[in-house]
Amino acid sequence: MAGGRRSALLLPVDSTSTSEFQSFRSRTPLFTVSAGRVLVTLALPERLGASDVEFARSLAEQAAAYATEVERLYRSGRRPSSGRSSGRSGKGRAA
């Protein structure tokens, strides 16, 4: 989305936050993240293309990297700082 406007949404997660994947026989899957009073659902067009597969793979890779970092912080006993932190940036479409 080069040169266009971009919206940003920060979802602070806590012990009540959830994520859910739903698969259906006759339609594309849904992936939902719920945090606080916000519910975000990712839905795909009915006709899938290669870019949709690329997005899903990138989403999975970025989510795995996020989980690894959260676990590292937890095991180290460090409190993460609020807001955006590490100099790393996800380069996939899902970041």
N, C-alpha and C. Protein backbone atom coordinates (compact mmCIF):
# COMPACT_ATOMS: atom_id res chain seq x y z
N MET A 1 0.84 -1.18 0.00
CA MET A 1 0.00 0.00 0.00
C MET A 1 0.89 1.24 0.00
N ALA A 2 1.76 1.34 -0.91
CA ALA A 2 2.70 2.45 -0.97
C ALA A 2 1.98 3.75 -1.30
N GLY A 3 2.30 4.80 -0.54
CA GLY A 3 1.77 6.11 -0.83
C GLY A 3 0.33 6.36 -0.39
N GLY A 4 -0.36 5.34 0.07
CA GLY A 4 -1.76 5.53 0.47
C GLY A 4 -1.90 5.75 1.96
N ARG A 5 -3.11 6.02 2.38
CA ARG A 5 -3.39 6.18 3.81
C ARG A 5 -3.41 4.81 4.45
N ARG A 6 -3.07 4.77 5.72
CA ARG A 6 -3.01 3.51 6.44
C ARG A 6 -3.63 3.70 7.82
N SER A 7 -4.44 2.76 8.22
CA SER A 7 -5.01 2.78 9.56
C SER A 7 -4.20 1.87 10.45
N ALA A 8 -4.15 2.19 11.73
CA ALA A 8 -3.43 1.35 12.68
C ALA A 8 -4.34 1.05 13.86
N LEU A 9 -4.21 -0.14 14.39
CA LEU A 9 -5.01 -0.56 15.52
C LEU A 9 -4.10 -1.31 16.48
N LEU A 10 -4.01 -0.86 17.72
CA LEU A 10 -3.23 -1.52 18.75
C LEU A 10 -4.20 -2.25 19.66
N LEU A 11 -4.04 -3.56 19.79
CA LEU A 11 -4.91 -4.35 20.65
C LEU A 11 -4.12 -4.82 21.87
N PRO A 12 -4.26 -4.15 23.00
CA PRO A 12 -3.59 -4.65 24.20
C PRO A 12 -4.23 -5.98 24.61
N VAL A 13 -3.43 -7.02 24.76
CA VAL A 13 -3.96 -8.33 25.12
C VAL A 13 -3.79 -8.57 26.61
N ASP A 14 -4.70 -9.37 27.15
CA ASP A 14 -4.63 -9.77 28.55
C ASP A 14 -5.14 -11.19 28.66
N SER A 15 -5.39 -11.65 29.87
CA SER A 15 -5.80 -13.04 30.07
C SER A 15 -7.16 -13.37 29.47
N THR A 16 -7.94 -12.36 29.11
CA THR A 16 -9.25 -12.62 28.50
C THR A 16 -9.21 -12.58 26.97
N SER A 17 -8.08 -12.22 26.40
CA SER A 17 -7.95 -12.13 24.94
C SER A 17 -7.94 -13.53 24.33
N THR A 18 -8.49 -13.63 23.12
CA THR A 18 -8.57 -14.93 22.45
C THR A 18 -8.25 -14.80 20.97
N SER A 19 -7.91 -15.93 20.38
CA SER A 19 -7.81 -16.03 18.93
C SER A 19 -8.48 -17.34 18.53
N GLU A 20 -9.10 -17.34 17.36
CA GLU A 20 -9.86 -18.52 16.95
C GLU A 20 -9.81 -18.68 15.44
N PHE A 21 -9.62 -19.91 15.01
CA PHE A 21 -9.68 -20.26 13.59
C PHE A 21 -10.94 -21.08 13.37
N GLN A 22 -11.69 -20.76 12.33
CA GLN A 22 -12.89 -21.52 11.98
C GLN A 22 -12.79 -21.96 10.53
N SER A 23 -13.00 -23.24 10.31
CA SER A 23 -12.95 -23.80 8.97
C SER A 23 -14.37 -24.22 8.57
N PHE A 24 -14.68 -24.04 7.29
CA PHE A 24 -16.00 -24.38 6.78
C PHE A 24 -15.86 -25.21 5.51
N ARG A 25 -16.79 -26.08 5.25
CA ARG A 25 -16.75 -26.90 4.02
C ARG A 25 -17.02 -26.08 2.76
N SER A 26 -17.95 -25.15 2.83
CA SER A 26 -18.43 -24.48 1.62
C SER A 26 -17.97 -23.05 1.47
N ARG A 27 -17.10 -22.56 2.34
CA ARG A 27 -16.65 -21.18 2.22
C ARG A 27 -15.25 -21.04 2.80
N THR A 28 -14.65 -19.88 2.61
CA THR A 28 -13.29 -19.66 3.08
C THR A 28 -13.25 -19.59 4.62
N PRO A 29 -12.10 -19.87 5.20
CA PRO A 29 -11.99 -19.88 6.66
C PRO A 29 -12.02 -18.46 7.25
N LEU A 30 -12.22 -18.40 8.56
CA LEU A 30 -12.19 -17.14 9.30
C LEU A 30 -11.13 -17.26 10.40
N PHE A 31 -10.43 -16.17 10.66
CA PHE A 31 -9.49 -16.10 11.77
C PHE A 31 -9.86 -14.87 12.57
N THR A 32 -10.13 -15.06 13.87
CA THR A 32 -10.61 -13.98 14.72
C THR A 32 -9.69 -13.75 15.91
N VAL A 33 -9.45 -12.49 16.22
CA VAL A 33 -8.71 -12.09 17.41
C VAL A 33 -9.63 -11.18 18.21
N SER A 34 -9.78 -11.49 19.49
CA SER A 34 -10.61 -10.69 20.38
C SER A 34 -9.73 -10.18 21.52
N ALA A 35 -9.74 -8.86 21.73
CA ALA A 35 -8.98 -8.24 22.82
C ALA A 35 -9.80 -7.09 23.37
N GLY A 36 -10.10 -7.16 24.66
CA GLY A 36 -10.92 -6.12 25.25
C GLY A 36 -12.28 -6.08 24.59
N ARG A 37 -12.67 -4.90 24.15
CA ARG A 37 -13.98 -4.74 23.51
C ARG A 37 -13.87 -4.72 21.99
N VAL A 38 -12.73 -5.20 21.46
CA VAL A 38 -12.49 -5.20 20.01
C VAL A 38 -12.44 -6.64 19.49
N LEU A 39 -13.11 -6.87 18.39
CA LEU A 39 -13.11 -8.16 17.72
C LEU A 39 -12.69 -7.92 16.28
N VAL A 40 -11.61 -8.58 15.85
CA VAL A 40 -11.12 -8.44 14.48
C VAL A 40 -11.21 -9.80 13.81
N THR A 41 -11.91 -9.88 12.68
CA THR A 41 -12.03 -11.13 11.94
C THR A 41 -11.44 -10.96 10.56
N LEU A 42 -10.53 -11.87 10.20
CA LEU A 42 -9.95 -11.87 8.86
C LEU A 42 -10.78 -12.80 7.98
N ALA A 43 -11.25 -12.28 6.87
CA ALA A 43 -12.05 -13.05 5.93
C ALA A 43 -11.46 -12.88 4.54
N LEU A 44 -11.57 -13.90 3.75
CA LEU A 44 -11.02 -13.90 2.40
C LEU A 44 -12.14 -13.84 1.37
N PRO A 45 -11.78 -13.46 0.14
CA PRO A 45 -12.79 -13.51 -0.92
C PRO A 45 -13.16 -14.97 -1.21
N GLU A 46 -14.30 -15.19 -1.80
CA GLU A 46 -14.74 -16.56 -2.12
C GLU A 46 -13.83 -17.23 -3.14
N ARG A 47 -13.25 -16.46 -4.04
CA ARG A 47 -12.32 -17.01 -5.03
C ARG A 47 -10.91 -16.65 -4.58
N LEU A 48 -10.14 -17.67 -4.22
CA LEU A 48 -8.81 -17.45 -3.69
C LEU A 48 -7.76 -17.41 -4.80
N GLY A 49 -6.74 -16.60 -4.58
CA GLY A 49 -5.62 -16.52 -5.50
C GLY A 49 -4.31 -16.78 -4.77
N ALA A 50 -3.23 -16.77 -5.51
CA ALA A 50 -1.91 -17.02 -4.93
C ALA A 50 -1.57 -16.00 -3.85
N SER A 51 -2.00 -14.75 -4.02
CA SER A 51 -1.70 -13.73 -3.01
C SER A 51 -2.40 -14.01 -1.68
N ASP A 52 -3.55 -14.69 -1.73
CA ASP A 52 -4.25 -15.06 -0.50
C ASP A 52 -3.47 -16.13 0.26
N VAL A 53 -2.90 -17.07 -0.47
CA VAL A 53 -2.06 -18.11 0.15
C VAL A 53 -0.81 -17.46 0.74
N GLU A 54 -0.21 -16.54 -0.01
CA GLU A 54 0.97 -15.82 0.47
C GLU A 54 0.65 -15.06 1.77
N PHE A 55 -0.49 -14.38 1.82
CA PHE A 55 -0.89 -13.66 3.02
C PHE A 55 -1.05 -14.61 4.20
N ALA A 56 -1.73 -15.74 4.01
CA ALA A 56 -1.96 -16.70 5.09
C ALA A 56 -0.64 -17.25 5.62
N ARG A 57 0.29 -17.57 4.72
CA ARG A 57 1.61 -18.07 5.14
C ARG A 57 2.37 -17.00 5.91
N SER A 58 2.32 -15.78 5.44
CA SER A 58 3.00 -14.67 6.12
C SER A 58 2.39 -14.44 7.49
N LEU A 59 1.08 -14.50 7.59
CA LEU A 59 0.39 -14.35 8.87
C LEU A 59 0.87 -15.42 9.85
N ALA A 60 0.95 -16.65 9.39
CA ALA A 60 1.40 -17.76 10.25
C ALA A 60 2.85 -17.56 10.69
N GLU A 61 3.71 -17.13 9.78
CA GLU A 61 5.12 -16.90 10.11
C GLU A 61 5.27 -15.77 11.13
N GLN A 62 4.53 -14.68 10.93
CA GLN A 62 4.61 -13.55 11.85
C GLN A 62 4.03 -13.91 13.22
N ALA A 63 2.94 -14.69 13.25
CA ALA A 63 2.35 -15.13 14.51
C ALA A 63 3.32 -16.05 15.26
N ALA A 64 4.00 -16.93 14.54
CA ALA A 64 4.99 -17.81 15.17
C ALA A 64 6.14 -17.00 15.74
N ALA A 65 6.61 -15.99 15.03
CA ALA A 65 7.68 -15.13 15.52
C ALA A 65 7.23 -14.37 16.76
N TYR A 66 6.00 -13.90 16.77
CA TYR A 66 5.42 -13.19 17.92
C TYR A 66 5.39 -14.13 19.13
N ALA A 67 4.92 -15.36 18.92
CA ALA A 67 4.84 -16.33 20.02
C ALA A 67 6.23 -16.63 20.58
N THR A 68 7.21 -16.75 19.72
CA THR A 68 8.58 -17.01 20.16
C THR A 68 9.10 -15.87 21.02
N GLU A 69 8.84 -14.64 20.60
CA GLU A 69 9.31 -13.47 21.35
C GLU A 69 8.59 -13.33 22.68
N VAL A 70 7.28 -13.59 22.72
CA VAL A 70 6.52 -13.53 23.97
C VAL A 70 7.07 -14.58 24.94
N GLU A 71 7.31 -15.77 24.44
CA GLU A 71 7.86 -16.82 25.31
C GLU A 71 9.25 -16.46 25.82
N ARG A 72 10.08 -15.86 24.98
CA ARG A 72 11.41 -15.45 25.39
C ARG A 72 11.32 -14.41 26.50
N LEU A 73 10.46 -13.42 26.33
CA LEU A 73 10.28 -12.40 27.36
C LEU A 73 9.76 -13.00 28.67
N TYR A 74 8.82 -13.92 28.56
CA TYR A 74 8.26 -14.57 29.74
C TYR A 74 9.34 -15.34 30.49
N ARG A 75 10.12 -16.13 29.77
CA ARG A 75 11.17 -16.95 30.40
C ARG A 75 12.28 -16.10 30.99
N SER A 76 12.55 -14.95 30.41
CA SER A 76 13.62 -14.09 30.92
C SER A 76 13.18 -13.31 32.16
N GLY A 77 11.87 -13.25 32.41
CA GLY A 77 11.36 -12.51 33.55
C GLY A 77 11.31 -11.01 33.33
N ARG A 78 11.62 -10.56 32.11
CA ARG A 78 11.59 -9.12 31.81
C ARG A 78 10.17 -8.67 31.54
N ARG A 79 9.89 -7.45 31.94
CA ARG A 79 8.61 -6.82 31.59
C ARG A 79 8.79 -6.13 30.26
N PRO A 80 7.94 -6.43 29.29
CA PRO A 80 8.05 -5.72 28.01
C PRO A 80 7.66 -4.26 28.17
N SER A 81 8.29 -3.39 27.40
CA SER A 81 7.90 -1.98 27.42
C SER A 81 6.61 -1.82 26.64
N SER A 82 5.86 -0.77 26.94
CA SER A 82 4.61 -0.56 26.23
C SER A 82 4.88 0.05 24.86
N GLY A 83 3.94 -0.11 23.97
CA GLY A 83 4.08 0.44 22.62
C GLY A 83 4.97 -0.43 21.75
N ARG A 84 5.44 0.15 20.68
CA ARG A 84 6.29 -0.59 19.75
C ARG A 84 7.68 -0.69 20.33
N SER A 85 8.26 -1.88 20.23
CA SER A 85 9.58 -2.05 20.82
C SER A 85 10.61 -2.45 19.79
N SER A 86 11.15 -3.61 19.90
CA SER A 86 12.36 -4.05 19.21
C SER A 86 12.51 -3.47 17.81
N GLY A 87 13.75 -3.39 17.39
CA GLY A 87 14.05 -2.84 16.07
C GLY A 87 13.64 -3.75 14.94
N ARG A 88 13.21 -4.97 15.29
CA ARG A 88 12.79 -5.90 14.24
C ARG A 88 11.46 -5.46 13.64
N SER A 89 11.32 -5.70 12.36
CA SER A 89 10.02 -5.42 11.76
C SER A 89 9.65 -6.57 10.86
N GLY A 90 8.41 -6.97 10.91
CA GLY A 90 7.94 -8.03 10.03
C GLY A 90 7.84 -7.48 8.63
N LYS A 91 8.34 -8.23 7.67
CA LYS A 91 8.31 -7.74 6.30
C LYS A 91 7.21 -8.36 5.49
N GLY A 92 6.48 -9.32 6.09
CA GLY A 92 5.38 -9.95 5.37
C GLY A 92 4.16 -9.07 5.36
N ARG A 93 3.21 -9.41 4.53
CA ARG A 93 1.97 -8.63 4.44
C ARG A 93 1.19 -8.69 5.73
N ALA A 94 1.39 -9.72 6.53
CA ALA A 94 0.60 -9.89 7.74
C ALA A 94 1.11 -9.06 8.90
N ALA A 95 2.26 -8.47 8.79
CA ALA A 95 2.85 -7.74 9.93
C ALA A 95 2.10 -6.48 10.25
